[in-house]
Amino acid sequence: MIDNIELIKPLLNFEDEGDFYMLYVFKRKKDQPEEERDNHQSVRTIKSYCVNSTEYLEKRYDEIKILCETFKARAYIHVTKQNHKDVAMNMITEIVSRIQSGQINQQHVFDSVVGQIKTQEKRWIIDIDTQSIHIKNMMINIIDGVRPTDDGSKIEAIIPTKNGIHLITKRFDVMEFTKRLTERGEVVPDVQKKNPTLLYCPESLN
């Protein structure tokens, strides 16, 4: 079991009315028994939540964990904030565009818009597929050493995953980061700019 709620909560801030973070309970094909994989999507959403306060997350957390245990699923949360006003304005444009092109069913417009529009915070996730302390420290040192270099550490959180860690970072020079790792002969990890991080991985997936 991996439970990251106490590491996630300090990353959440709700300054303006309508601020929220998307949370998903995902059932992943690779987590399921071999005999169940043929008829399974690579990722299926069991349930999604718009987290509009820390209190809401805490209130729903037992339910989220039960869903994860029951469906052998994982809970992921975006750590880049969005706002309902921005989403609603973009939904209007999207719905009009869809109707003009002949699409009558607007059932999934919210999810589509949320996945497309720019977020209010610029946080990236570095997906490191090992728990090696040496690799972790090397990555942190390189990230903190590339541009910009005048605002302290760029690492905002270190989130455990099933096979390694997610480094939650501020923006940095990805090209220089890649160059320095390549020069050392190291594997360059994924720099994810729109993906969520792991909130909860249940005992049933051990």
Foldseek 3Di string as FASTA:
>chain_A
DFACLVQLQVLDDQDDPQKWKKKFWKDALVLDDPVPNPPDDRIDTPDMDTHRHSVVCVVCVVVSQVVCQVRVTFMWIASFMAGPVVLVVVLVVVVVVCVVVPNDDCPCSSVVSVQPDDTPAFKKKFDDQAADPVVVVVLQVLQCPFPPNPPPGQFPGWGDDPRHIITIGHDGDVVSSVVVCVVVVHDGTDIGGRDTGTRDRHPNSD
